[in-house]
Amino acid sequence: MKKILFGLLFLAVAVAVPACGKPGQSTAVTNPEGGTPAPASQTEATLAPEFPKEIQWVQSEPLKISDLRGQVVVVHFWTLGCINCIHNYPVYKAWQEKYADKGVTIIGVHTPEFTHEADVARVQASARDNGLKFPIAIDNDHVIWNSWGNQYWPGIFLIDKKGHVRYHWDGELHLDTDEGRQFASRIDELLAE
């Protein structure tokens, strides 16, 4: 009987808790009023939500999306204990190097899945130890997570120069696959606009 109850409890928790990542999936963010998705350059995407003023930042002064107009912005949601997030570190490091001084700003939003991941010193140490040099917003209360409608670790959003969310990716991003390379190429596409 205990095994059955434990199994039911495990199943209930597994269904209720969002997974740490899911299979890679790219989405073009389209006109919120519906209709057939337009080519990316013609898509009327929604404006990226602003970061709340009360959010703590590490490796940067507080940033505002509105102050980053004219740049392509990569916002990625992660947590230090998520293996799928850790697997994405090489991608972020490659982007740091490739797009240094080219009009791309990478922003990490650290949203903990578990309470022990909310320790800011651990987030700073993880970023330092893994060579992640971009600004990181500390989202311990899931305020940014909720305002962006994110659902998975990792979740990556690409914002165009006008501040519109244009593309979204859930899960690990494998640059050795066609789909992963295509999503990554969207950064260059947005830079060229």
N, C-alpha and C. Protein backbone atom coordinates (compact mmCIF):
# COMPACT_ATOMS: atom_id res chain seq x y z
N MET A 1 0.82 -1.19 0.00
CA MET A 1 0.00 0.00 0.00
C MET A 1 0.87 1.26 0.00
N LYS A 2 1.97 1.20 0.79
CA LYS A 2 2.86 2.35 0.84
C LYS A 2 3.47 2.62 -0.53
N LYS A 3 3.82 1.55 -1.27
CA LYS A 3 4.40 1.71 -2.60
C LYS A 3 3.42 2.37 -3.55
N ILE A 4 2.17 2.00 -3.46
CA ILE A 4 1.15 2.59 -4.32
C ILE A 4 0.97 4.07 -4.00
N LEU A 5 0.89 4.41 -2.70
CA LEU A 5 0.75 5.80 -2.30
C LEU A 5 1.96 6.63 -2.73
N PHE A 6 3.17 6.07 -2.56
CA PHE A 6 4.38 6.77 -2.97
C PHE A 6 4.37 6.99 -4.48
N GLY A 7 3.96 5.98 -5.23
CA GLY A 7 3.89 6.10 -6.69
C GLY A 7 2.91 7.17 -7.12
N LEU A 8 1.76 7.23 -6.48
CA LEU A 8 0.77 8.26 -6.81
C LEU A 8 1.28 9.65 -6.44
N LEU A 9 1.96 9.76 -5.29
CA LEU A 9 2.53 11.04 -4.88
C LEU A 9 3.60 11.48 -5.87
N PHE A 10 4.47 10.56 -6.28
CA PHE A 10 5.52 10.87 -7.25
C PHE A 10 4.91 11.35 -8.57
N LEU A 11 3.87 10.67 -9.03
CA LEU A 11 3.21 11.05 -10.27
C LEU A 11 2.59 12.43 -10.16
N ALA A 12 1.95 12.73 -9.04
CA ALA A 12 1.32 14.04 -8.83
C ALA A 12 2.36 15.14 -8.85
N VAL A 13 3.51 14.93 -8.21
CA VAL A 13 4.58 15.93 -8.19
C VAL A 13 5.17 16.09 -9.58
N ALA A 14 5.39 15.00 -10.28
CA ALA A 14 5.97 15.07 -11.62
C ALA A 14 5.08 15.85 -12.58
N VAL A 15 3.78 15.73 -12.44
CA VAL A 15 2.86 16.44 -13.31
C VAL A 15 2.78 17.92 -12.92
N ALA A 16 2.86 18.23 -11.62
CA ALA A 16 2.68 19.59 -11.14
C ALA A 16 3.91 20.47 -11.30
N VAL A 17 5.10 19.89 -11.29
CA VAL A 17 6.34 20.68 -11.33
C VAL A 17 6.83 20.76 -12.77
N PRO A 18 7.12 21.99 -13.27
CA PRO A 18 7.64 22.10 -14.63
C PRO A 18 8.98 21.40 -14.75
N ALA A 19 9.18 20.76 -15.86
CA ALA A 19 10.43 20.02 -16.07
C ALA A 19 11.59 20.98 -16.27
N CYS A 20 12.75 20.52 -15.88
CA CYS A 20 13.98 21.27 -16.14
C CYS A 20 14.31 21.04 -17.59
N GLY A 21 13.79 21.91 -18.42
CA GLY A 21 14.01 21.79 -19.86
C GLY A 21 13.04 20.80 -20.49
N LYS A 22 12.98 20.82 -21.77
CA LYS A 22 12.22 19.85 -22.55
C LYS A 22 12.89 19.78 -23.89
N PRO A 23 12.52 18.85 -24.73
CA PRO A 23 13.19 18.76 -26.02
C PRO A 23 13.20 20.11 -26.74
N GLY A 24 14.29 20.41 -27.40
CA GLY A 24 14.46 21.69 -28.07
C GLY A 24 13.30 22.02 -28.98
N GLN A 25 12.86 23.25 -28.86
CA GLN A 25 11.73 23.68 -29.66
C GLN A 25 11.87 25.17 -29.91
N SER A 26 11.82 25.56 -31.16
CA SER A 26 11.92 26.97 -31.53
C SER A 26 10.54 27.45 -31.94
N THR A 27 10.23 28.66 -31.53
CA THR A 27 8.95 29.24 -31.87
C THR A 27 9.17 30.65 -32.37
N ALA A 28 8.60 30.96 -33.52
CA ALA A 28 8.57 32.35 -33.95
C ALA A 28 7.40 32.99 -33.22
N VAL A 29 7.63 34.10 -32.60
CA VAL A 29 6.56 34.78 -31.87
C VAL A 29 5.80 35.60 -32.89
N THR A 30 4.51 35.31 -33.02
CA THR A 30 3.73 35.94 -34.07
C THR A 30 2.77 36.98 -33.50
N ASN A 31 2.05 37.58 -34.39
CA ASN A 31 1.07 38.58 -34.03
C ASN A 31 0.16 38.02 -32.94
N PRO A 32 0.04 38.71 -31.79
CA PRO A 32 -0.77 38.19 -30.69
C PRO A 32 -2.25 38.07 -31.04
N GLU A 33 -2.68 38.71 -32.13
CA GLU A 33 -4.08 38.61 -32.51
C GLU A 33 -4.34 37.41 -33.40
N GLY A 34 -3.33 36.59 -33.62
CA GLY A 34 -3.52 35.36 -34.36
C GLY A 34 -3.27 35.52 -35.84
N GLY A 35 -3.73 34.55 -36.61
CA GLY A 35 -3.53 34.58 -38.05
C GLY A 35 -2.35 33.70 -38.44
N THR A 36 -2.09 33.68 -39.71
CA THR A 36 -0.99 32.87 -40.23
C THR A 36 0.33 33.53 -39.89
N PRO A 37 1.29 32.76 -39.37
CA PRO A 37 2.58 33.36 -39.05
C PRO A 37 3.22 33.97 -40.30
N ALA A 38 3.69 35.20 -40.15
CA ALA A 38 4.37 35.88 -41.25
C ALA A 38 5.85 35.55 -41.22
N PRO A 39 6.57 35.81 -42.31
CA PRO A 39 8.02 35.68 -42.24
C PRO A 39 8.54 36.53 -41.09
N ALA A 40 9.66 36.11 -40.51
CA ALA A 40 10.17 36.76 -39.31
C ALA A 40 10.30 38.26 -39.46
N SER A 41 10.76 38.75 -40.61
CA SER A 41 10.97 40.18 -40.76
C SER A 41 9.66 40.96 -40.78
N GLN A 42 8.54 40.26 -41.02
CA GLN A 42 7.24 40.93 -41.09
C GLN A 42 6.39 40.66 -39.85
N THR A 43 6.88 39.86 -38.94
CA THR A 43 6.10 39.50 -37.77
C THR A 43 5.93 40.68 -36.83
N GLU A 44 4.70 40.91 -36.42
CA GLU A 44 4.45 41.93 -35.41
C GLU A 44 4.43 41.23 -34.06
N ALA A 45 5.58 41.16 -33.44
CA ALA A 45 5.71 40.46 -32.17
C ALA A 45 5.39 41.41 -31.02
N THR A 46 5.23 40.84 -29.86
CA THR A 46 4.92 41.63 -28.69
C THR A 46 6.18 42.28 -28.12
N LEU A 47 6.00 43.42 -27.48
CA LEU A 47 7.13 44.08 -26.82
C LEU A 47 7.61 43.22 -25.67
N ALA A 48 8.92 43.17 -25.50
CA ALA A 48 9.49 42.41 -24.38
C ALA A 48 9.11 43.08 -23.08
N PRO A 49 8.70 42.31 -22.08
CA PRO A 49 8.37 42.90 -20.79
C PRO A 49 9.60 43.57 -20.16
N GLU A 50 9.37 44.62 -19.43
CA GLU A 50 10.45 45.34 -18.76
C GLU A 50 10.86 44.58 -17.50
N PHE A 51 12.14 44.71 -17.13
CA PHE A 51 12.61 44.11 -15.88
C PHE A 51 12.15 44.99 -14.72
N PRO A 52 11.62 44.39 -13.66
CA PRO A 52 11.18 45.19 -12.51
C PRO A 52 12.35 45.92 -11.86
N LYS A 53 12.09 47.11 -11.35
CA LYS A 53 13.14 47.93 -10.72
C LYS A 53 13.74 47.28 -9.49
N GLU A 54 12.94 46.51 -8.76
CA GLU A 54 13.40 45.94 -7.48
C GLU A 54 14.25 44.67 -7.64
N ILE A 55 14.45 44.21 -8.86
CA ILE A 55 15.23 43.00 -9.10
C ILE A 55 16.71 43.28 -8.84
N GLN A 56 17.36 42.34 -8.16
CA GLN A 56 18.81 42.43 -7.92
C GLN A 56 19.54 41.90 -9.15
N TRP A 57 20.68 42.53 -9.46
CA TRP A 57 21.51 42.12 -10.59
C TRP A 57 22.90 41.76 -10.11
N VAL A 58 23.52 40.80 -10.76
CA VAL A 58 24.93 40.50 -10.53
C VAL A 58 25.65 40.65 -11.86
N GLN A 59 26.90 41.04 -11.78
CA GLN A 59 27.75 41.26 -12.94
C GLN A 59 27.30 42.44 -13.79
N SER A 60 26.43 43.30 -13.25
CA SER A 60 25.93 44.43 -14.01
C SER A 60 25.14 45.36 -13.10
N GLU A 61 25.05 46.59 -13.52
CA GLU A 61 24.08 47.51 -12.94
C GLU A 61 22.71 47.06 -13.45
N PRO A 62 21.61 47.49 -12.83
CA PRO A 62 20.29 47.11 -13.34
C PRO A 62 20.11 47.55 -14.79
N LEU A 63 19.51 46.68 -15.57
CA LEU A 63 19.26 46.95 -16.99
C LEU A 63 17.77 47.12 -17.23
N LYS A 64 17.46 47.87 -18.29
CA LYS A 64 16.09 48.03 -18.74
C LYS A 64 16.04 47.66 -20.22
N ILE A 65 15.05 46.91 -20.60
CA ILE A 65 14.88 46.53 -22.00
C ILE A 65 14.79 47.79 -22.87
N SER A 66 14.08 48.80 -22.39
CA SER A 66 13.91 50.02 -23.18
C SER A 66 15.24 50.73 -23.44
N ASP A 67 16.21 50.58 -22.54
CA ASP A 67 17.52 51.19 -22.75
C ASP A 67 18.38 50.41 -23.75
N LEU A 68 17.94 49.22 -24.12
CA LEU A 68 18.72 48.37 -25.03
C LEU A 68 18.20 48.42 -26.47
N ARG A 69 17.29 49.34 -26.75
CA ARG A 69 16.78 49.49 -28.12
C ARG A 69 17.96 49.79 -29.04
N GLY A 70 17.92 49.23 -30.22
CA GLY A 70 19.02 49.37 -31.16
C GLY A 70 19.98 48.20 -31.09
N GLN A 71 19.79 47.34 -30.10
CA GLN A 71 20.61 46.13 -29.96
C GLN A 71 19.71 44.91 -30.06
N VAL A 72 20.30 43.79 -30.41
CA VAL A 72 19.61 42.51 -30.32
C VAL A 72 19.87 42.01 -28.90
N VAL A 73 18.82 41.53 -28.24
CA VAL A 73 18.95 41.09 -26.86
C VAL A 73 18.57 39.61 -26.77
N VAL A 74 19.43 38.86 -26.11
CA VAL A 74 19.18 37.45 -25.84
C VAL A 74 18.88 37.35 -24.34
N VAL A 75 17.68 36.92 -24.00
CA VAL A 75 17.32 36.72 -22.59
C VAL A 75 17.15 35.22 -22.40
N HIS A 76 17.92 34.67 -21.46
CA HIS A 76 17.76 33.24 -21.22
C HIS A 76 17.49 32.99 -19.74
N PHE A 77 16.51 32.14 -19.50
CA PHE A 77 16.13 31.73 -18.15
C PHE A 77 16.89 30.46 -17.81
N TRP A 78 17.47 30.44 -16.62
CA TRP A 78 18.27 29.30 -16.20
C TRP A 78 18.24 29.20 -14.68
N THR A 79 18.71 28.07 -14.19
CA THR A 79 18.94 27.90 -12.77
C THR A 79 20.18 27.03 -12.62
N LEU A 80 20.96 27.29 -11.61
CA LEU A 80 22.28 26.67 -11.50
C LEU A 80 22.26 25.17 -11.29
N GLY A 81 21.16 24.59 -10.83
CA GLY A 81 21.11 23.16 -10.61
C GLY A 81 20.51 22.36 -11.76
N CYS A 82 20.14 23.02 -12.84
CA CYS A 82 19.47 22.35 -13.95
C CYS A 82 20.50 21.84 -14.96
N ILE A 83 20.54 20.54 -15.18
CA ILE A 83 21.52 19.96 -16.09
C ILE A 83 21.33 20.45 -17.52
N ASN A 84 20.08 20.67 -17.94
CA ASN A 84 19.84 21.18 -19.28
C ASN A 84 20.40 22.60 -19.43
N CYS A 85 20.30 23.40 -18.36
CA CYS A 85 20.89 24.75 -18.38
C CYS A 85 22.40 24.66 -18.47
N ILE A 86 22.99 23.77 -17.72
CA ILE A 86 24.45 23.59 -17.72
C ILE A 86 24.92 23.19 -19.12
N HIS A 87 24.15 22.34 -19.78
CA HIS A 87 24.51 21.93 -21.15
C HIS A 87 24.47 23.10 -22.13
N ASN A 88 23.73 24.17 -21.80
CA ASN A 88 23.67 25.35 -22.67
C ASN A 88 24.82 26.33 -22.43
N TYR A 89 25.59 26.18 -21.35
CA TYR A 89 26.67 27.13 -21.06
C TYR A 89 27.62 27.33 -22.25
N PRO A 90 28.05 26.27 -22.94
CA PRO A 90 28.96 26.49 -24.08
C PRO A 90 28.34 27.38 -25.17
N VAL A 91 27.03 27.29 -25.35
CA VAL A 91 26.35 28.13 -26.34
C VAL A 91 26.46 29.59 -25.93
N TYR A 92 26.15 29.89 -24.66
CA TYR A 92 26.21 31.28 -24.19
C TYR A 92 27.63 31.82 -24.25
N LYS A 93 28.59 30.98 -23.91
CA LYS A 93 30.00 31.41 -23.97
C LYS A 93 30.42 31.69 -25.41
N ALA A 94 29.98 30.86 -26.34
CA ALA A 94 30.29 31.10 -27.76
C ALA A 94 29.66 32.41 -28.23
N TRP A 95 28.43 32.68 -27.81
CA TRP A 95 27.78 33.92 -28.18
C TRP A 95 28.48 35.13 -27.55
N GLN A 96 28.93 34.98 -26.30
CA GLN A 96 29.68 36.07 -25.65
C GLN A 96 30.87 36.46 -26.52
N GLU A 97 31.58 35.44 -27.00
CA GLU A 97 32.78 35.68 -27.79
C GLU A 97 32.43 36.21 -29.19
N LYS A 98 31.50 35.55 -29.86
CA LYS A 98 31.16 35.91 -31.24
C LYS A 98 30.57 37.31 -31.34
N TYR A 99 29.74 37.69 -30.38
CA TYR A 99 29.01 38.95 -30.50
C TYR A 99 29.54 40.07 -29.61
N ALA A 100 30.72 39.89 -29.03
CA ALA A 100 31.31 40.96 -28.23
C ALA A 100 31.45 42.20 -29.11
N ASP A 101 30.91 43.30 -28.65
CA ASP A 101 31.00 44.59 -29.36
C ASP A 101 30.33 44.57 -30.74
N LYS A 102 29.31 43.72 -30.93
CA LYS A 102 28.61 43.69 -32.22
C LYS A 102 27.14 44.05 -32.10
N GLY A 103 26.73 44.61 -30.96
CA GLY A 103 25.34 45.03 -30.81
C GLY A 103 24.40 43.96 -30.29
N VAL A 104 24.96 42.97 -29.59
CA VAL A 104 24.13 41.93 -28.97
C VAL A 104 24.38 41.96 -27.46
N THR A 105 23.30 42.00 -26.70
CA THR A 105 23.39 41.94 -25.24
C THR A 105 22.77 40.62 -24.79
N ILE A 106 23.54 39.86 -24.03
CA ILE A 106 23.05 38.60 -23.46
C ILE A 106 22.72 38.87 -22.00
N ILE A 107 21.53 38.46 -21.60
CA ILE A 107 21.09 38.63 -20.21
C ILE A 107 20.61 37.29 -19.69
N GLY A 108 21.16 36.87 -18.56
CA GLY A 108 20.68 35.67 -17.90
C GLY A 108 19.66 36.07 -16.83
N VAL A 109 18.59 35.33 -16.77
CA VAL A 109 17.61 35.51 -15.69
C VAL A 109 17.66 34.24 -14.86
N HIS A 110 18.23 34.35 -13.67
CA HIS A 110 18.35 33.17 -12.81
C HIS A 110 17.08 33.05 -11.98
N THR A 111 16.28 32.05 -12.32
CA THR A 111 15.02 31.77 -11.62
C THR A 111 15.14 30.38 -11.00
N PRO A 112 15.27 30.31 -9.67
CA PRO A 112 15.51 29.01 -9.04
C PRO A 112 14.32 28.07 -9.13
N GLU A 113 14.65 26.80 -9.32
CA GLU A 113 13.62 25.76 -9.28
C GLU A 113 13.41 25.30 -7.84
N PHE A 114 14.50 25.30 -7.06
CA PHE A 114 14.46 24.86 -5.66
C PHE A 114 15.03 25.96 -4.78
N THR A 115 14.64 25.97 -3.52
CA THR A 115 15.05 27.04 -2.60
C THR A 115 16.55 27.18 -2.46
N HIS A 116 17.29 26.08 -2.42
CA HIS A 116 18.73 26.19 -2.25
C HIS A 116 19.41 26.87 -3.44
N GLU A 117 18.73 26.99 -4.57
CA GLU A 117 19.29 27.66 -5.74
C GLU A 117 19.10 29.18 -5.69
N ALA A 118 18.41 29.68 -4.67
CA ALA A 118 18.13 31.11 -4.57
C ALA A 118 19.28 31.90 -3.93
N ASP A 119 20.34 31.24 -3.53
CA ASP A 119 21.49 31.88 -2.89
C ASP A 119 22.29 32.66 -3.94
N VAL A 120 22.28 33.99 -3.80
CA VAL A 120 22.92 34.86 -4.78
C VAL A 120 24.42 34.57 -4.88
N ALA A 121 25.06 34.29 -3.76
CA ALA A 121 26.50 33.99 -3.78
C ALA A 121 26.78 32.74 -4.61
N ARG A 122 25.90 31.75 -4.54
CA ARG A 122 26.07 30.54 -5.35
C ARG A 122 25.88 30.84 -6.83
N VAL A 123 24.94 31.72 -7.15
CA VAL A 123 24.72 32.11 -8.55
C VAL A 123 25.97 32.81 -9.08
N GLN A 124 26.52 33.74 -8.29
CA GLN A 124 27.74 34.45 -8.70
C GLN A 124 28.90 33.47 -8.89
N ALA A 125 29.05 32.54 -7.96
CA ALA A 125 30.15 31.56 -8.05
C ALA A 125 29.97 30.67 -9.28
N SER A 126 28.75 30.25 -9.55
CA SER A 126 28.48 29.41 -10.71
C SER A 126 28.82 30.16 -12.00
N ALA A 127 28.39 31.41 -12.09
CA ALA A 127 28.68 32.22 -13.29
C ALA A 127 30.20 32.37 -13.46
N ARG A 128 30.88 32.71 -12.38
CA ARG A 128 32.33 32.89 -12.44
C ARG A 128 33.04 31.60 -12.83
N ASP A 129 32.69 30.50 -12.15
CA ASP A 129 33.36 29.22 -12.39
C ASP A 129 33.12 28.68 -13.79
N ASN A 130 32.01 29.09 -14.41
CA ASN A 130 31.67 28.57 -15.74
C ASN A 130 31.93 29.58 -16.86
N GLY A 131 32.55 30.71 -16.53
CA GLY A 131 32.91 31.69 -17.55
C GLY A 131 31.74 32.43 -18.15
N LEU A 132 30.63 32.55 -17.41
CA LEU A 132 29.45 33.27 -17.89
C LEU A 132 29.60 34.73 -17.44
N LYS A 133 29.87 35.62 -18.39
CA LYS A 133 30.24 37.00 -18.06
C LYS A 133 29.12 38.01 -18.28
N PHE A 134 27.96 37.57 -18.69
CA PHE A 134 26.87 38.48 -19.00
C PHE A 134 26.13 38.91 -17.72
N PRO A 135 25.33 39.99 -17.82
CA PRO A 135 24.52 40.42 -16.69
C PRO A 135 23.49 39.35 -16.31
N ILE A 136 23.25 39.22 -15.01
CA ILE A 136 22.29 38.22 -14.53
C ILE A 136 21.31 38.89 -13.59
N ALA A 137 20.03 38.76 -13.91
CA ALA A 137 18.96 39.23 -13.04
C ALA A 137 18.60 38.10 -12.09
N ILE A 138 18.49 38.41 -10.81
CA ILE A 138 18.13 37.41 -9.80
C ILE A 138 16.62 37.44 -9.63
N ASP A 139 15.97 36.39 -10.07
CA ASP A 139 14.50 36.32 -10.12
C ASP A 139 13.98 35.30 -9.11
N ASN A 140 14.37 35.46 -7.85
CA ASN A 140 14.01 34.46 -6.83
C ASN A 140 12.51 34.31 -6.61
N ASP A 141 11.74 35.35 -6.88
CA ASP A 141 10.29 35.27 -6.68
C ASP A 141 9.52 35.00 -7.97
N HIS A 142 10.24 34.64 -9.04
CA HIS A 142 9.66 34.29 -10.34
C HIS A 142 8.84 35.43 -10.97
N VAL A 143 9.18 36.66 -10.63
CA VAL A 143 8.47 37.82 -11.17
C VAL A 143 8.73 37.96 -12.67
N ILE A 144 10.01 37.88 -13.07
CA ILE A 144 10.35 37.99 -14.49
C ILE A 144 9.84 36.76 -15.24
N TRP A 145 10.05 35.60 -14.66
CA TRP A 145 9.57 34.32 -15.24
C TRP A 145 8.10 34.44 -15.61
N ASN A 146 7.28 34.93 -14.68
CA ASN A 146 5.84 35.04 -14.92
C ASN A 146 5.51 36.12 -15.95
N SER A 147 6.19 37.26 -15.88
CA SER A 147 5.86 38.34 -16.82
C SER A 147 6.23 37.97 -18.26
N TRP A 148 7.23 37.11 -18.42
CA TRP A 148 7.62 36.67 -19.76
C TRP A 148 6.84 35.43 -20.20
N GLY A 149 6.09 34.83 -19.29
CA GLY A 149 5.34 33.62 -19.63
C GLY A 149 6.24 32.43 -19.87
N ASN A 150 7.42 32.43 -19.25
CA ASN A 150 8.35 31.31 -19.44
C ASN A 150 7.83 30.08 -18.69
N GLN A 151 8.17 28.90 -19.20
CA GLN A 151 7.70 27.67 -18.57
C GLN A 151 8.78 26.64 -18.34
N TYR A 152 9.97 26.82 -18.91
CA TYR A 152 10.98 25.78 -18.83
C TYR A 152 12.35 26.36 -18.55
N TRP A 153 13.19 25.52 -17.94
CA TRP A 153 14.62 25.80 -17.80
C TRP A 153 15.32 24.89 -18.80
N PRO A 154 16.16 25.36 -19.64
CA PRO A 154 16.32 26.76 -20.02
C PRO A 154 15.26 27.20 -21.02
N GLY A 155 15.03 28.49 -21.05
CA GLY A 155 14.15 29.12 -22.03
C GLY A 155 14.90 30.32 -22.59
N ILE A 156 14.97 30.45 -23.90
CA ILE A 156 15.74 31.52 -24.53
C ILE A 156 14.80 32.36 -25.40
N PHE A 157 14.89 33.68 -25.23
CA PHE A 157 14.09 34.62 -26.01
C PHE A 157 15.02 35.54 -26.79
N LEU A 158 14.71 35.79 -28.06
CA LEU A 158 15.47 36.73 -28.87
C LEU A 158 14.61 37.96 -29.11
N ILE A 159 15.18 39.13 -28.80
CA ILE A 159 14.46 40.40 -28.91
C ILE A 159 15.13 41.23 -30.00
N ASP A 160 14.32 41.80 -30.88
CA ASP A 160 14.88 42.59 -31.98
C ASP A 160 15.27 43.99 -31.52
N LYS A 161 15.81 44.77 -32.43
CA LYS A 161 16.34 46.10 -32.11
C LYS A 161 15.25 47.08 -31.66
N LYS A 162 14.00 46.77 -31.96
CA LYS A 162 12.89 47.64 -31.55
C LYS A 162 12.27 47.20 -30.23
N GLY A 163 12.82 46.12 -29.63
CA GLY A 163 12.33 45.67 -28.34
C GLY A 163 11.22 44.64 -28.40
N HIS A 164 11.02 44.02 -29.57
CA HIS A 164 9.98 43.00 -29.72
C HIS A 164 10.57 41.60 -29.54
N VAL A 165 9.84 40.75 -28.83
CA VAL A 165 10.22 39.34 -28.70
C VAL A 165 9.89 38.68 -30.04
N ARG A 166 10.92 38.14 -30.69
CA ARG A 166 10.72 37.57 -32.02
C ARG A 166 10.82 36.06 -32.06
N TYR A 167 11.70 35.48 -31.24
CA TYR A 167 11.87 34.03 -31.25
C TYR A 167 12.03 33.52 -29.83
N HIS A 168 11.64 32.26 -29.66
CA HIS A 168 11.70 31.62 -28.35
C HIS A 168 12.13 30.18 -28.53
N TRP A 169 12.98 29.71 -27.62
CA TRP A 169 13.45 28.32 -27.65
C TRP A 169 13.31 27.75 -26.26
N ASP A 170 12.76 26.55 -26.14
CA ASP A 170 12.66 25.84 -24.86
C ASP A 170 13.61 24.66 -24.86
N GLY A 171 14.37 24.50 -23.77
CA GLY A 171 15.23 23.33 -23.61
C GLY A 171 16.65 23.56 -24.07
N GLU A 172 17.41 22.46 -24.11
CA GLU A 172 18.81 22.55 -24.54
C GLU A 172 18.87 22.99 -26.00
N LEU A 173 19.92 23.76 -26.30
CA LEU A 173 20.12 24.23 -27.66
C LEU A 173 21.38 23.57 -28.19
N HIS A 174 21.21 22.67 -29.13
CA HIS A 174 22.33 21.92 -29.69
C HIS A 174 22.71 22.54 -31.03
N LEU A 175 23.87 23.21 -31.07
CA LEU A 175 24.29 23.89 -32.29
C LEU A 175 24.81 22.93 -33.35
N ASP A 176 24.88 21.65 -33.02
CA ASP A 176 25.30 20.66 -34.03
C ASP A 176 24.10 20.06 -34.76
N THR A 177 22.91 20.59 -34.51
CA THR A 177 21.72 20.13 -35.23
C THR A 177 21.24 21.25 -36.15
N ASP A 178 20.52 20.89 -37.20
CA ASP A 178 19.99 21.91 -38.12
C ASP A 178 19.07 22.88 -37.39
N GLU A 179 18.18 22.35 -36.56
CA GLU A 179 17.23 23.21 -35.86
C GLU A 179 17.95 24.16 -34.90
N GLY A 180 18.97 23.66 -34.20
CA GLY A 180 19.73 24.49 -33.27
C GLY A 180 20.50 25.58 -34.00
N ARG A 181 21.14 25.21 -35.12
CA ARG A 181 21.87 26.20 -35.92
C ARG A 181 20.93 27.26 -36.49
N GLN A 182 19.75 26.81 -36.92
CA GLN A 182 18.77 27.75 -37.48
C GLN A 182 18.34 28.76 -36.42
N PHE A 183 18.07 28.29 -35.20
CA PHE A 183 17.67 29.22 -34.14
C PHE A 183 18.80 30.20 -33.85
N ALA A 184 20.03 29.70 -33.73
CA ALA A 184 21.17 30.57 -33.43
C ALA A 184 21.37 31.60 -34.54
N SER A 185 21.09 31.22 -35.79
CA SER A 185 21.26 32.15 -36.92
C SER A 185 20.27 33.31 -36.85
N ARG A 186 19.23 33.16 -36.06
CA ARG A 186 18.25 34.25 -35.91
C ARG A 186 18.89 35.49 -35.30
N ILE A 187 19.93 35.31 -34.50
CA ILE A 187 20.62 36.47 -33.92
C ILE A 187 21.22 37.32 -35.05
N ASP A 188 21.90 36.67 -36.00
CA ASP A 188 22.47 37.40 -37.13
C ASP A 188 21.37 38.04 -37.98
N GLU A 189 20.28 37.32 -38.15
CA GLU A 189 19.14 37.84 -38.92
C GLU A 189 18.62 39.13 -38.28
N LEU A 190 18.46 39.12 -36.96
CA LEU A 190 17.96 40.31 -36.27
C LEU A 190 18.98 41.44 -36.29
N LEU A 191 20.27 41.11 -36.24
CA LEU A 191 21.31 42.14 -36.34
C LEU A 191 21.27 42.82 -37.69
N ALA A 192 20.97 42.06 -38.74
CA ALA A 192 20.98 42.60 -40.11
C ALA A 192 19.77 43.49 -40.40
N GLU A 193 18.74 43.41 -39.60
CA GLU A 193 17.52 44.20 -39.87
C GLU A 193 17.77 45.67 -39.65
